[in-house]
Protein backbone atom coordinates (compact mmCIF):
# COMPACT_ATOMS: atom_id res chain seq x y z
CA ALA A 1 138.08 -45.45 -140.86
CA VAL A 2 137.30 -42.04 -139.34
CA ASN A 3 139.63 -42.64 -136.40
CA THR A 4 142.41 -43.80 -138.75
CA LEU A 5 142.00 -40.66 -140.86
CA ARG A 6 141.93 -38.47 -137.76
CA ALA A 7 145.13 -40.03 -136.42
CA PHE A 8 146.80 -39.58 -139.81
CA MET A 9 145.78 -35.92 -140.03
CA PHE A 10 147.12 -35.13 -136.58
CA GLU A 11 150.36 -37.02 -137.20
CA ARG A 12 151.09 -35.72 -140.69
CA VAL A 13 149.27 -32.41 -141.05
CA TYR A 14 148.16 -30.60 -137.89
CA ILE A 15 151.08 -31.21 -135.52
CA PRO A 16 153.90 -30.63 -138.06
CA GLU A 17 152.29 -27.36 -139.20
CA ASP A 18 151.97 -26.17 -135.61
CA ASP A 19 155.68 -26.73 -135.00
CA GLY A 20 156.77 -24.87 -138.15
CA LYS A 21 157.68 -21.24 -138.63
CA GLU A 22 154.13 -20.26 -139.52
CA GLY A 23 152.69 -22.12 -136.54
CA GLN A 24 155.03 -20.40 -134.10
CA SER A 25 154.35 -17.01 -135.67
CA ALA A 26 150.61 -17.62 -135.44
CA ARG A 27 150.96 -18.43 -131.73
CA ARG A 28 152.88 -15.18 -131.15
CA MET A 29 150.22 -13.20 -133.00
CA ILE A 30 147.37 -14.74 -131.01
CA ARG A 31 149.17 -13.99 -127.74
CA LEU A 32 149.79 -10.41 -128.89
CA LEU A 33 146.15 -9.94 -129.92
CA TYR A 34 144.91 -11.35 -126.61
CA GLN A 35 147.20 -9.11 -124.55
CA TYR A 36 146.30 -6.06 -126.62
CA TYR A 37 142.52 -6.51 -126.54
CA ASN A 38 142.54 -7.62 -122.91
CA GLY A 39 144.25 -4.35 -122.03
CA ASN A 40 142.18 -2.27 -124.48
CA ARG A 41 138.68 -3.65 -124.22
CA GLU A 42 137.28 -0.42 -125.66
CA LYS A 43 138.73 -1.58 -129.01
CA ILE A 44 136.31 -4.53 -129.02
CA PRO A 45 132.96 -3.74 -130.71
CA LEU A 46 130.41 -2.58 -128.14
CA SER A 47 128.01 -5.40 -129.04
CA HIS A 48 130.59 -7.95 -127.83
CA ARG A 49 132.09 -6.14 -124.86
CA SER A 50 129.67 -7.29 -122.18
CA GLU A 51 130.32 -10.96 -122.70
CA SER A 52 132.58 -12.68 -120.15
CA ARG A 53 134.80 -14.08 -122.90
CA SER A 54 134.69 -10.97 -125.05
CA VAL A 55 138.42 -10.90 -125.84
CA VAL A 56 138.55 -14.58 -126.78
CA ASP A 57 135.33 -14.37 -128.79
CA HIS A 58 136.51 -11.26 -130.63
CA ILE A 59 139.79 -12.92 -131.67
CA ALA A 60 138.06 -16.20 -132.56
CA GLY A 61 135.71 -14.32 -134.85
CA MET A 62 138.52 -12.72 -136.85
CA THR A 63 139.36 -14.00 -140.30
CA ASP A 64 143.00 -15.00 -140.79
CA LEU A 65 143.73 -11.93 -142.88
CA TYR A 66 142.04 -9.58 -140.40
CA ALA A 67 144.00 -11.11 -137.49
CA ILE A 68 147.29 -10.79 -139.39
CA ARG A 69 146.60 -7.17 -140.24
CA ALA A 70 145.48 -6.38 -136.68
CA ALA A 71 148.64 -7.96 -135.24
CA GLU A 72 150.78 -6.07 -137.77
CA SER A 73 149.15 -2.79 -136.76
CA ILE A 74 150.03 -3.48 -133.11
CA GLU A 75 153.54 -4.84 -133.70
CA PRO A 76 154.87 -4.26 -137.21
CA GLY A 77 156.90 -7.21 -138.50
CA ILE A 78 155.25 -9.87 -136.34
CA ALA A 79 153.67 -11.48 -139.41
CA ASN A 80 156.68 -11.35 -141.74
CA CYS A 81 156.43 -15.08 -142.51
CA PHE A 82 152.91 -14.44 -143.82
CA GLU A 83 154.06 -11.73 -146.24
CA ARG A 84 152.55 -13.50 -149.25
CA VAL A 85 149.12 -13.30 -147.57
CA LEU A 86 149.40 -9.57 -146.96
CA VAL A 87 150.06 -8.67 -150.60
């Protein structure tokens, strides 16, 4: 039953969402955040900077809203499809 549900979720929920406008925008934002923090490691909190995966861990620890706002501050307009979240 668990495997059937898992297959259904990937087929009907996860994969279609990833291919949509929001999914593509989210991918662009994650790439932007990675490039920005990788080139500006001083922007990562000092307590996380020494870790080997500090950029990845910093982004992974962001809430959705924080990540959207951070991406918007770097490249205004990148999160336009998430406008309803930013209000």
